Amino acid sequence: MEMENDEGDPFGGRRAKEFSEGLRKTCRIIAEKNYLMVCSNQVREVIGATQYQVKTKSPGGKALEFYPSLRLEFSSPTKIKLEKQIVGKKQTRITGVETTISVFKSSIWKPFRSAKVSILFDYGVDVIADNLQYIKDNTENTTYTLKGEKLSNELYKAIKIVEDSNAENDLREEVINLWEEIESKFVQERKPKR
């Protein structure tokens, strides 16, 4: 549309209008059919933002901010490096990224929670590594453990032990139990409002 004629859509506002119209028409259908709709986009820098203003925004207009029940923001990616000693020489390769996922908006549960997620190239989300790290970070343990048993000081050795013993479900259950225990400590018992 921008290239078809001289007038076209020079400011890109047509896309935002179409998102707004489309989401307004389909949001009821999505809710009635219990569908899950996932949208992803990159954020753009806000030119001229002062230090007290939001530095980034999502393109596509306000509809993508208004209609979702849940908005997640991926930020602060860091490289996951693997080092190996090969033929007497240390070799390093970047095998993935670790990113922080933050709940930016939520009408289905509590907002402003965040979690670190490891994504390995040619593998995907490394659930075992993230679960082992969660247990270590949120307990007094100084090593990677499962059900109170020490696995290893090294993450990759601990992952191998979990995989070899087919203990992925046990690890998942332990993380869920630990998470629920932590969450329960922040529940505030209050008298109902009148």
N, C-alpha and C. Protein backbone atom coordinates (compact mmCIF):
# COMPACT_ATOMS: atom_id res chain seq x y z
N MET A 1 0.83 -1.19 0.00
CA MET A 1 0.00 0.00 0.00
C MET A 1 0.88 1.26 0.00
N GLU A 2 1.99 1.18 0.73
CA GLU A 2 2.89 2.34 0.78
C GLU A 2 3.52 2.60 -0.57
N MET A 3 3.68 1.55 -1.41
CA MET A 3 4.41 1.69 -2.66
C MET A 3 3.49 1.76 -3.88
N GLU A 4 2.19 1.52 -3.70
CA GLU A 4 1.29 1.46 -4.85
C GLU A 4 1.09 2.81 -5.53
N ASN A 5 0.90 3.85 -4.75
CA ASN A 5 0.70 5.16 -5.35
C ASN A 5 1.37 6.22 -4.49
N ASP A 6 1.29 7.44 -4.94
CA ASP A 6 1.98 8.52 -4.24
C ASP A 6 1.39 8.78 -2.86
N GLU A 7 0.06 8.61 -2.72
CA GLU A 7 -0.56 8.87 -1.42
C GLU A 7 -0.33 7.69 -0.49
N GLY A 8 -0.74 6.51 -0.91
CA GLY A 8 -0.48 5.28 -0.15
C GLY A 8 -0.78 5.40 1.33
N ASP A 9 0.16 4.96 2.13
CA ASP A 9 0.04 5.02 3.59
C ASP A 9 1.39 5.45 4.14
N PRO A 10 1.78 6.70 3.95
CA PRO A 10 3.14 7.13 4.29
C PRO A 10 3.50 7.01 5.77
N PHE A 11 2.52 7.06 6.66
CA PHE A 11 2.84 7.01 8.09
C PHE A 11 2.59 5.63 8.71
N GLY A 12 2.14 4.66 7.91
CA GLY A 12 1.95 3.30 8.42
C GLY A 12 0.77 3.16 9.36
N GLY A 13 -0.18 4.06 9.33
CA GLY A 13 -1.32 4.01 10.25
C GLY A 13 -2.37 2.99 9.85
N ARG A 14 -2.35 2.56 8.60
CA ARG A 14 -3.35 1.61 8.12
C ARG A 14 -3.25 0.28 8.88
N ARG A 15 -2.06 -0.17 9.14
CA ARG A 15 -1.85 -1.44 9.83
C ARG A 15 -2.49 -1.39 11.22
N ALA A 16 -2.29 -0.30 11.95
CA ALA A 16 -2.88 -0.17 13.28
C ALA A 16 -4.40 -0.18 13.20
N LYS A 17 -4.96 0.48 12.19
CA LYS A 17 -6.41 0.51 12.03
C LYS A 17 -6.94 -0.88 11.72
N GLU A 18 -6.24 -1.62 10.88
CA GLU A 18 -6.68 -2.98 10.54
C GLU A 18 -6.59 -3.91 11.75
N PHE A 19 -5.54 -3.78 12.56
CA PHE A 19 -5.44 -4.57 13.80
C PHE A 19 -6.64 -4.28 14.70
N SER A 20 -6.96 -3.01 14.85
CA SER A 20 -8.05 -2.61 15.73
C SER A 20 -9.37 -3.18 15.24
N GLU A 21 -9.66 -3.05 13.95
CA GLU A 21 -10.90 -3.58 13.39
C GLU A 21 -10.94 -5.09 13.49
N GLY A 22 -9.85 -5.74 13.14
CA GLY A 22 -9.79 -7.20 13.16
C GLY A 22 -9.95 -7.78 14.55
N LEU A 23 -9.27 -7.21 15.53
CA LEU A 23 -9.36 -7.73 16.89
C LEU A 23 -10.73 -7.46 17.50
N ARG A 24 -11.32 -6.33 17.17
CA ARG A 24 -12.66 -6.02 17.69
C ARG A 24 -13.67 -7.04 17.16
N LYS A 25 -13.52 -7.45 15.89
CA LYS A 25 -14.45 -8.40 15.28
C LYS A 25 -14.23 -9.82 15.79
N THR A 26 -12.99 -10.18 16.03
CA THR A 26 -12.70 -11.58 16.34
C THR A 26 -12.55 -11.90 17.82
N CYS A 27 -12.43 -10.91 18.68
CA CYS A 27 -12.16 -11.21 20.10
C CYS A 27 -13.28 -12.02 20.75
N ARG A 28 -14.54 -11.75 20.37
CA ARG A 28 -15.65 -12.53 20.92
C ARG A 28 -15.61 -13.97 20.42
N ILE A 29 -15.31 -14.17 19.16
CA ILE A 29 -15.22 -15.52 18.58
C ILE A 29 -14.11 -16.30 19.27
N ILE A 30 -12.97 -15.66 19.47
CA ILE A 30 -11.83 -16.30 20.14
C ILE A 30 -12.22 -16.73 21.54
N ALA A 31 -12.93 -15.86 22.27
CA ALA A 31 -13.35 -16.18 23.64
C ALA A 31 -14.39 -17.30 23.66
N GLU A 32 -15.38 -17.25 22.75
CA GLU A 32 -16.43 -18.27 22.71
C GLU A 32 -15.88 -19.65 22.38
N LYS A 33 -14.95 -19.72 21.44
CA LYS A 33 -14.39 -21.00 21.01
C LYS A 33 -13.23 -21.46 21.89
N ASN A 34 -12.84 -20.61 22.86
CA ASN A 34 -11.74 -20.91 23.78
C ASN A 34 -10.43 -21.15 23.03
N TYR A 35 -10.19 -20.30 22.03
CA TYR A 35 -8.95 -20.37 21.26
C TYR A 35 -7.85 -19.61 21.97
N LEU A 36 -6.64 -19.93 21.63
CA LEU A 36 -5.48 -19.18 22.09
C LEU A 36 -4.87 -18.52 20.87
N MET A 37 -4.76 -17.21 20.92
CA MET A 37 -4.15 -16.47 19.81
C MET A 37 -2.84 -15.87 20.31
N VAL A 38 -1.77 -16.12 19.59
CA VAL A 38 -0.46 -15.63 19.98
C VAL A 38 0.03 -14.66 18.91
N CYS A 39 0.42 -13.48 19.34
CA CYS A 39 1.01 -12.48 18.44
C CYS A 39 2.40 -12.17 18.96
N SER A 40 3.31 -11.96 18.05
CA SER A 40 4.65 -11.55 18.47
C SER A 40 5.11 -10.40 17.60
N ASN A 41 5.84 -9.50 18.19
CA ASN A 41 6.43 -8.41 17.42
C ASN A 41 7.63 -7.86 18.16
N GLN A 42 8.41 -7.11 17.44
CA GLN A 42 9.55 -6.45 18.04
C GLN A 42 9.11 -5.08 18.56
N VAL A 43 9.81 -4.61 19.55
CA VAL A 43 9.50 -3.27 20.04
C VAL A 43 10.34 -2.26 19.28
N ARG A 44 9.84 -1.06 19.21
CA ARG A 44 10.54 0.04 18.55
C ARG A 44 10.93 1.07 19.60
N GLU A 45 12.02 1.74 19.37
CA GLU A 45 12.44 2.81 20.28
C GLU A 45 11.55 4.03 20.08
N VAL A 46 11.22 4.69 21.18
CA VAL A 46 10.45 5.92 21.13
C VAL A 46 11.45 7.07 20.99
N ILE A 47 11.42 7.70 19.85
CA ILE A 47 12.38 8.78 19.59
C ILE A 47 12.00 10.00 20.42
N GLY A 48 12.97 10.55 21.10
CA GLY A 48 12.74 11.75 21.89
C GLY A 48 12.20 11.49 23.29
N ALA A 49 12.17 10.22 23.73
CA ALA A 49 11.66 9.92 25.07
C ALA A 49 12.64 10.45 26.13
N THR A 50 12.08 11.08 27.15
CA THR A 50 12.92 11.57 28.24
C THR A 50 13.20 10.42 29.21
N GLN A 51 14.02 10.68 30.23
CA GLN A 51 14.40 9.60 31.13
C GLN A 51 13.22 9.07 31.94
N TYR A 52 12.11 9.82 32.04
CA TYR A 52 10.95 9.38 32.81
C TYR A 52 9.87 8.75 31.94
N GLN A 53 10.08 8.72 30.65
CA GLN A 53 9.10 8.14 29.74
C GLN A 53 9.51 6.74 29.33
N VAL A 54 8.54 5.98 28.83
CA VAL A 54 8.81 4.63 28.33
C VAL A 54 9.70 4.75 27.10
N LYS A 55 10.75 3.94 27.06
CA LYS A 55 11.75 4.05 25.97
C LYS A 55 11.38 3.25 24.72
N THR A 56 10.47 2.26 24.88
CA THR A 56 10.09 1.43 23.74
C THR A 56 8.58 1.32 23.66
N LYS A 57 8.09 0.95 22.46
CA LYS A 57 6.66 0.70 22.29
C LYS A 57 6.47 -0.40 21.25
N SER A 58 5.31 -1.03 21.30
CA SER A 58 4.97 -2.08 20.34
C SER A 58 4.32 -1.44 19.13
N PRO A 59 4.80 -1.74 17.92
CA PRO A 59 4.14 -1.19 16.74
C PRO A 59 2.81 -1.90 16.49
N GLY A 60 1.94 -1.29 15.72
CA GLY A 60 0.67 -1.91 15.40
C GLY A 60 -0.52 -1.26 16.07
N GLY A 61 -0.29 -0.17 16.75
CA GLY A 61 -1.38 0.57 17.37
C GLY A 61 -1.72 0.09 18.78
N LYS A 62 -2.75 0.70 19.34
CA LYS A 62 -3.14 0.43 20.73
C LYS A 62 -3.93 -0.87 20.88
N ALA A 63 -4.49 -1.41 19.80
CA ALA A 63 -5.30 -2.63 19.91
C ALA A 63 -4.49 -3.80 20.46
N LEU A 64 -3.22 -3.90 20.04
CA LEU A 64 -2.38 -5.00 20.52
C LEU A 64 -2.04 -4.84 21.99
N GLU A 65 -2.21 -3.67 22.55
CA GLU A 65 -2.00 -3.47 23.98
C GLU A 65 -3.31 -3.65 24.75
N PHE A 66 -4.44 -3.32 24.11
CA PHE A 66 -5.72 -3.32 24.81
C PHE A 66 -6.36 -4.71 24.88
N TYR A 67 -6.41 -5.45 23.78
CA TYR A 67 -7.17 -6.69 23.72
C TYR A 67 -6.54 -7.90 24.41
N PRO A 68 -5.24 -8.05 24.48
CA PRO A 68 -4.69 -9.29 25.06
C PRO A 68 -4.99 -9.44 26.54
N SER A 69 -5.17 -10.70 26.94
CA SER A 69 -5.31 -11.02 28.36
C SER A 69 -3.95 -11.11 29.02
N LEU A 70 -2.94 -11.43 28.22
CA LEU A 70 -1.60 -11.62 28.75
C LEU A 70 -0.59 -11.06 27.76
N ARG A 71 0.31 -10.21 28.25
CA ARG A 71 1.40 -9.68 27.43
C ARG A 71 2.71 -10.00 28.10
N LEU A 72 3.60 -10.64 27.38
CA LEU A 72 4.92 -11.00 27.89
C LEU A 72 5.97 -10.20 27.14
N GLU A 73 7.02 -9.86 27.85
CA GLU A 73 8.11 -9.11 27.23
C GLU A 73 9.42 -9.88 27.44
N PHE A 74 10.11 -10.15 26.36
CA PHE A 74 11.40 -10.83 26.42
C PHE A 74 12.48 -9.75 26.41
N SER A 75 13.42 -9.82 27.35
CA SER A 75 14.44 -8.78 27.41
C SER A 75 15.76 -9.31 27.92
N SER A 76 16.77 -8.49 27.83
CA SER A 76 18.11 -8.75 28.35
C SER A 76 18.69 -10.10 27.94
N PRO A 77 18.72 -10.40 26.64
CA PRO A 77 19.31 -11.68 26.25
C PRO A 77 20.82 -11.70 26.49
N THR A 78 21.30 -12.81 27.04
CA THR A 78 22.74 -13.01 27.20
C THR A 78 23.11 -14.32 26.51
N LYS A 79 24.33 -14.41 26.06
CA LYS A 79 24.78 -15.60 25.33
C LYS A 79 25.13 -16.73 26.30
N ILE A 80 24.76 -17.94 25.93
CA ILE A 80 25.16 -19.12 26.68
C ILE A 80 26.39 -19.68 25.98
N LYS A 81 27.50 -19.73 26.71
CA LYS A 81 28.76 -20.19 26.14
C LYS A 81 29.10 -21.56 26.71
N LEU A 82 29.65 -22.40 25.86
CA LEU A 82 30.12 -23.72 26.27
C LEU A 82 31.61 -23.80 25.95
N GLU A 83 32.38 -24.17 26.97
CA GLU A 83 33.83 -24.28 26.78
C GLU A 83 34.24 -25.74 26.88
N LYS A 84 35.13 -26.15 25.97
CA LYS A 84 35.64 -27.52 25.95
C LYS A 84 37.15 -27.47 25.74
N GLN A 85 37.82 -28.39 26.38
CA GLN A 85 39.27 -28.54 26.17
C GLN A 85 39.45 -29.58 25.07
N ILE A 86 39.94 -29.15 23.90
CA ILE A 86 40.09 -30.04 22.75
C ILE A 86 41.53 -29.95 22.26
N VAL A 87 42.21 -31.08 22.23
CA VAL A 87 43.61 -31.20 21.80
C VAL A 87 44.47 -30.18 22.55
N GLY A 88 44.23 -30.08 23.86
CA GLY A 88 45.04 -29.21 24.71
C GLY A 88 44.72 -27.73 24.60
N LYS A 89 43.71 -27.37 23.83
CA LYS A 89 43.36 -25.97 23.64
C LYS A 89 41.90 -25.75 24.02
N LYS A 90 41.64 -24.65 24.75
CA LYS A 90 40.28 -24.35 25.15
C LYS A 90 39.51 -23.76 23.97
N GLN A 91 38.37 -24.38 23.65
CA GLN A 91 37.50 -23.93 22.57
C GLN A 91 36.19 -23.44 23.18
N THR A 92 35.65 -22.35 22.65
CA THR A 92 34.41 -21.78 23.15
C THR A 92 33.42 -21.63 22.00
N ARG A 93 32.18 -22.01 22.27
CA ARG A 93 31.11 -21.84 21.29
C ARG A 93 29.90 -21.24 22.00
N ILE A 94 29.18 -20.40 21.28
CA ILE A 94 27.92 -19.87 21.79
C ILE A 94 26.85 -20.87 21.38
N THR A 95 26.16 -21.45 22.38
CA THR A 95 25.20 -22.52 22.12
C THR A 95 23.75 -22.08 22.26
N GLY A 96 23.53 -20.88 22.75
CA GLY A 96 22.16 -20.41 22.91
C GLY A 96 22.11 -19.05 23.58
N VAL A 97 20.93 -18.69 24.03
CA VAL A 97 20.74 -17.42 24.74
C VAL A 97 19.88 -17.66 25.97
N GLU A 98 20.11 -16.81 26.96
CA GLU A 98 19.25 -16.79 28.14
C GLU A 98 18.56 -15.44 28.16
N THR A 99 17.25 -15.46 28.29
CA THR A 99 16.49 -14.22 28.27
C THR A 99 15.56 -14.16 29.47
N THR A 100 15.19 -12.98 29.86
CA THR A 100 14.23 -12.79 30.94
C THR A 100 12.87 -12.51 30.33
N ILE A 101 11.87 -13.29 30.75
CA ILE A 101 10.51 -13.09 30.28
C ILE A 101 9.73 -12.47 31.43
N SER A 102 9.16 -11.29 31.18
CA SER A 102 8.41 -10.58 32.21
C SER A 102 6.94 -10.50 31.81
N VAL A 103 6.05 -10.64 32.79
CA VAL A 103 4.63 -10.46 32.55
C VAL A 103 4.37 -8.95 32.56
N PHE A 104 4.09 -8.43 31.39
CA PHE A 104 3.91 -6.99 31.20
C PHE A 104 2.48 -6.58 31.51
N LYS A 105 1.53 -7.45 31.17
CA LYS A 105 0.11 -7.21 31.45
C LYS A 105 -0.54 -8.56 31.68
N SER A 106 -1.41 -8.67 32.67
CA SER A 106 -2.11 -9.92 32.91
C SER A 106 -3.48 -9.65 33.51
N SER A 107 -4.51 -10.18 32.86
CA SER A 107 -5.84 -10.15 33.44
C SER A 107 -6.27 -11.55 33.85
N ILE A 108 -5.34 -12.51 33.78
CA ILE A 108 -5.65 -13.89 34.15
C ILE A 108 -4.98 -14.30 35.46
N TRP A 109 -3.97 -13.58 35.90
CA TRP A 109 -3.32 -13.82 37.17
C TRP A 109 -2.54 -12.58 37.56
N LYS A 110 -1.59 -12.71 38.44
CA LYS A 110 -0.84 -11.57 38.94
C LYS A 110 0.21 -11.11 37.92
N PRO A 111 0.27 -9.80 37.67
CA PRO A 111 1.28 -9.30 36.72
C PRO A 111 2.63 -9.07 37.41
N PHE A 112 3.56 -8.61 36.63
CA PHE A 112 4.90 -8.19 37.07
C PHE A 112 5.72 -9.34 37.67
N ARG A 113 5.54 -10.54 37.17
CA ARG A 113 6.40 -11.66 37.53
C ARG A 113 7.40 -11.82 36.39
N SER A 114 8.51 -12.47 36.67
CA SER A 114 9.50 -12.69 35.61
C SER A 114 10.20 -14.02 35.83
N ALA A 115 10.77 -14.54 34.76
CA ALA A 115 11.50 -15.80 34.83
C ALA A 115 12.60 -15.78 33.77
N LYS A 116 13.72 -16.40 34.11
CA LYS A 116 14.79 -16.56 33.14
C LYS A 116 14.56 -17.85 32.37
N VAL A 117 14.74 -17.78 31.06
CA VAL A 117 14.52 -18.93 30.20
C VAL A 117 15.74 -19.12 29.30
N SER A 118 16.24 -20.35 29.26
CA SER A 118 17.38 -20.68 28.40
C SER A 118 16.86 -21.29 27.11
N ILE A 119 17.34 -20.76 25.99
CA ILE A 119 16.96 -21.27 24.68
C ILE A 119 18.23 -21.70 23.97
N LEU A 120 18.33 -23.00 23.69
CA LEU A 120 19.51 -23.54 23.01
C LEU A 120 19.24 -23.64 21.51
N PHE A 121 20.23 -23.28 20.72
CA PHE A 121 20.11 -23.40 19.27
C PHE A 121 19.94 -24.87 18.92
N ASP A 122 19.10 -25.18 17.96
CA ASP A 122 18.83 -26.54 17.49
C ASP A 122 18.24 -27.44 18.56
N TYR A 123 17.73 -26.86 19.66
CA TYR A 123 17.10 -27.67 20.71
C TYR A 123 15.81 -27.03 21.20
N GLY A 124 15.85 -25.75 21.51
CA GLY A 124 14.68 -25.07 22.04
C GLY A 124 14.88 -24.71 23.49
N VAL A 125 13.77 -24.54 24.22
CA VAL A 125 13.81 -24.15 25.63
C VAL A 125 14.41 -25.30 26.44
N ASP A 126 15.42 -25.00 27.22
CA ASP A 126 16.11 -26.01 28.04
C ASP A 126 15.44 -26.07 29.42
N VAL A 127 14.33 -26.80 29.48
CA VAL A 127 13.52 -26.87 30.69
C VAL A 127 14.30 -27.49 31.85
N ILE A 128 15.07 -28.51 31.58
CA ILE A 128 15.82 -29.19 32.65
C ILE A 128 16.82 -28.24 33.29
N ALA A 129 17.58 -27.55 32.47
CA ALA A 129 18.58 -26.60 33.00
C ALA A 129 17.90 -25.50 33.80
N ASP A 130 16.80 -24.96 33.28
CA ASP A 130 16.10 -23.89 33.97
C ASP A 130 15.51 -24.37 35.30
N ASN A 131 14.97 -25.58 35.32
CA ASN A 131 14.40 -26.11 36.56
C ASN A 131 15.49 -26.38 37.60
N LEU A 132 16.60 -26.94 37.18
CA LEU A 132 17.71 -27.17 38.12
C LEU A 132 18.22 -25.84 38.69
N GLN A 133 18.33 -24.83 37.83
CA GLN A 133 18.80 -23.53 38.27
C GLN A 133 17.80 -22.88 39.22
N TYR A 134 16.50 -23.07 38.95
CA TYR A 134 15.47 -22.50 39.82
C TYR A 134 15.57 -23.07 41.24
N ILE A 135 15.75 -24.37 41.34
CA ILE A 135 15.88 -25.01 42.65
C ILE A 135 17.12 -24.47 43.37
N LYS A 136 18.22 -24.39 42.65
CA LYS A 136 19.46 -23.91 43.27
C LYS A 136 19.33 -22.45 43.72
N ASP A 137 18.71 -21.62 42.89
CA ASP A 137 18.58 -20.19 43.19
C ASP A 137 17.61 -19.90 44.34
N ASN A 138 16.63 -20.77 44.53
CA ASN A 138 15.58 -20.49 45.50
C ASN A 138 15.63 -21.37 46.74
N THR A 139 16.73 -22.04 46.95
CA THR A 139 16.96 -22.81 48.17
C THR A 139 18.35 -22.48 48.68
N GLU A 140 18.71 -23.06 49.79
CA GLU A 140 20.05 -22.82 50.34
C GLU A 140 21.10 -23.73 49.71
N ASN A 141 20.70 -24.51 48.72
CA ASN A 141 21.63 -25.44 48.07
C ASN A 141 22.74 -24.69 47.35
N THR A 142 23.94 -25.24 47.43
CA THR A 142 25.08 -24.66 46.71
C THR A 142 25.44 -25.48 45.49
N THR A 143 24.77 -26.62 45.33
CA THR A 143 24.97 -27.48 44.16
C THR A 143 23.61 -27.77 43.53
N TYR A 144 23.62 -28.40 42.38
CA TYR A 144 22.36 -28.79 41.73
C TYR A 144 21.85 -30.06 42.38
N THR A 145 20.58 -30.03 42.78
CA THR A 145 20.01 -31.16 43.53
C THR A 145 18.66 -31.55 42.95
N LEU A 146 18.23 -32.76 43.32
CA LEU A 146 16.90 -33.25 43.00
C LEU A 146 16.44 -34.09 44.16
N LYS A 147 15.31 -33.74 44.74
CA LYS A 147 14.75 -34.44 45.91
C LYS A 147 15.75 -34.50 47.06
N GLY A 148 16.50 -33.44 47.23
CA GLY A 148 17.46 -33.37 48.32
C GLY A 148 18.77 -34.09 48.05
N GLU A 149 18.87 -34.80 46.94
CA GLU A 149 20.09 -35.53 46.57
C GLU A 149 20.98 -34.64 45.71
N LYS A 150 22.25 -34.58 46.07
CA LYS A 150 23.21 -33.80 45.29
C LYS A 150 23.45 -34.49 43.95
N LEU A 151 23.34 -33.70 42.87
CA LEU A 151 23.60 -34.25 41.54
C LEU A 151 25.01 -33.90 41.09
N SER A 152 25.33 -32.61 41.05
CA SER A 152 26.65 -32.17 40.61
C SER A 152 26.81 -30.68 40.87
N ASN A 153 28.06 -30.22 40.88
CA ASN A 153 28.35 -28.79 40.94
C ASN A 153 28.22 -28.14 39.57
N GLU A 154 28.34 -28.96 38.52
CA GLU A 154 28.29 -28.46 37.14
C GLU A 154 26.90 -28.70 36.55
N LEU A 155 26.35 -27.69 35.93
CA LEU A 155 25.00 -27.77 35.39
C LEU A 155 24.87 -28.88 34.35
N TYR A 156 25.81 -28.97 33.41
CA TYR A 156 25.67 -29.94 32.33
C TYR A 156 25.77 -31.38 32.83
N LYS A 157 26.55 -31.61 33.89
CA LYS A 157 26.61 -32.96 34.48
C LYS A 157 25.29 -33.28 35.19
N ALA A 158 24.71 -32.29 35.86
CA ALA A 158 23.43 -32.48 36.54
C ALA A 158 22.32 -32.77 35.52
N ILE A 159 22.34 -32.07 34.40
CA ILE A 159 21.35 -32.31 33.33
C ILE A 159 21.46 -33.75 32.84
N LYS A 160 22.68 -34.20 32.63
CA LYS A 160 22.92 -35.57 32.13
C LYS A 160 22.39 -36.60 33.12
N ILE A 161 22.59 -36.37 34.41
CA ILE A 161 22.09 -37.30 35.43
C ILE A 161 20.56 -37.37 35.40
N VAL A 162 19.91 -36.20 35.29
CA VAL A 162 18.45 -36.16 35.23
C VAL A 162 17.94 -36.90 33.99
N GLU A 163 18.57 -36.64 32.84
CA GLU A 163 18.13 -37.29 31.60
C GLU A 163 18.37 -38.79 31.63
N ASP A 164 19.54 -39.21 32.12
CA ASP A 164 19.86 -40.64 32.15
C ASP A 164 18.95 -41.43 33.08
N SER A 165 18.48 -40.78 34.14
CA SER A 165 17.61 -41.47 35.10
C SER A 165 16.12 -41.22 34.82
N ASN A 166 15.81 -40.55 33.69
CA ASN A 166 14.43 -40.24 33.31
C ASN A 166 13.66 -39.57 34.45
N ALA A 167 14.31 -38.60 35.09
CA ALA A 167 13.73 -37.94 36.25
C ALA A 167 13.15 -36.56 35.91
N GLU A 168 12.84 -36.32 34.64
CA GLU A 168 12.33 -35.01 34.23
C GLU A 168 11.02 -34.67 34.96
N ASN A 169 10.12 -35.65 35.09
CA ASN A 169 8.84 -35.38 35.77
C ASN A 169 9.04 -35.11 37.26
N ASP A 170 9.97 -35.82 37.88
CA ASP A 170 10.27 -35.57 39.30
C ASP A 170 10.82 -34.15 39.49
N LEU A 171 11.68 -33.74 38.57
CA LEU A 171 12.25 -32.40 38.63
C LEU A 171 11.15 -31.35 38.46
N ARG A 172 10.27 -31.58 37.51
CA ARG A 172 9.16 -30.65 37.26
C ARG A 172 8.28 -30.54 38.50
N GLU A 173 7.93 -31.66 39.10
CA GLU A 173 7.09 -31.65 40.31
C GLU A 173 7.76 -30.91 41.46
N GLU A 174 9.07 -31.11 41.61
CA GLU A 174 9.78 -30.42 42.69
C GLU A 174 9.77 -28.91 42.48
N VAL A 175 9.93 -28.47 41.24
CA VAL A 175 9.89 -27.04 40.94
C VAL A 175 8.50 -26.48 41.21
N ILE A 176 7.46 -27.19 40.80
CA ILE A 176 6.09 -26.72 41.04
C ILE A 176 5.83 -26.61 42.54
N ASN A 177 6.23 -27.63 43.30
CA ASN A 177 6.02 -27.60 44.76
C ASN A 177 6.77 -26.44 45.41
N LEU A 178 8.01 -26.21 44.99
CA LEU A 178 8.81 -25.12 45.54
C LEU A 178 8.17 -23.77 45.19
N TRP A 179 7.74 -23.63 43.94
CA TRP A 179 7.10 -22.39 43.50
C TRP A 179 5.84 -22.13 44.31
N GLU A 180 5.00 -23.16 44.49
CA GLU A 180 3.76 -23.00 45.27
C GLU A 180 4.05 -22.65 46.72
N GLU A 181 5.10 -23.24 47.28
CA GLU A 181 5.48 -22.93 48.66
C GLU A 181 5.90 -21.46 48.79
N ILE A 182 6.70 -20.98 47.85
CA ILE A 182 7.14 -19.59 47.86
C ILE A 182 5.94 -18.66 47.70
N GLU A 183 5.05 -18.96 46.75
CA GLU A 183 3.87 -18.12 46.51
C GLU A 183 2.96 -18.08 47.74
N SER A 184 2.83 -19.21 48.43
CA SER A 184 1.94 -19.26 49.59
C SER A 184 2.39 -18.33 50.71
N LYS A 185 3.68 -18.06 50.79
CA LYS A 185 4.21 -17.17 51.84
C LYS A 185 3.85 -15.71 51.59
N PHE A 186 3.42 -15.37 50.37
CA PHE A 186 3.08 -13.99 50.05
C PHE A 186 1.57 -13.74 50.01
N VAL A 187 0.79 -14.76 50.35
CA VAL A 187 -0.66 -14.58 50.39
C VAL A 187 -1.01 -13.75 51.62
N GLN A 188 -1.77 -12.70 51.40
CA GLN A 188 -2.18 -11.82 52.50
C GLN A 188 -3.64 -12.09 52.82
N GLU A 189 -3.89 -12.56 54.03
CA GLU A 189 -5.26 -12.81 54.47
C GLU A 189 -5.88 -11.47 54.87
N ARG A 190 -6.91 -11.09 54.16
CA ARG A 190 -7.56 -9.81 54.42
C ARG A 190 -9.06 -10.02 54.60
N LYS A 191 -9.66 -9.17 55.39
CA LYS A 191 -11.10 -9.17 55.57
C LYS A 191 -11.72 -8.68 54.27
N PRO A 192 -12.81 -9.31 53.81
CA PRO A 192 -13.45 -8.85 52.56
C PRO A 192 -13.87 -7.39 52.65
N LYS A 193 -13.76 -6.68 51.52
CA LYS A 193 -14.19 -5.29 51.48
C LYS A 193 -15.71 -5.20 51.52
N ARG A 194 -16.22 -4.13 52.10
CA ARG A 194 -17.67 -3.94 52.15
C ARG A 194 -18.11 -3.06 51.01
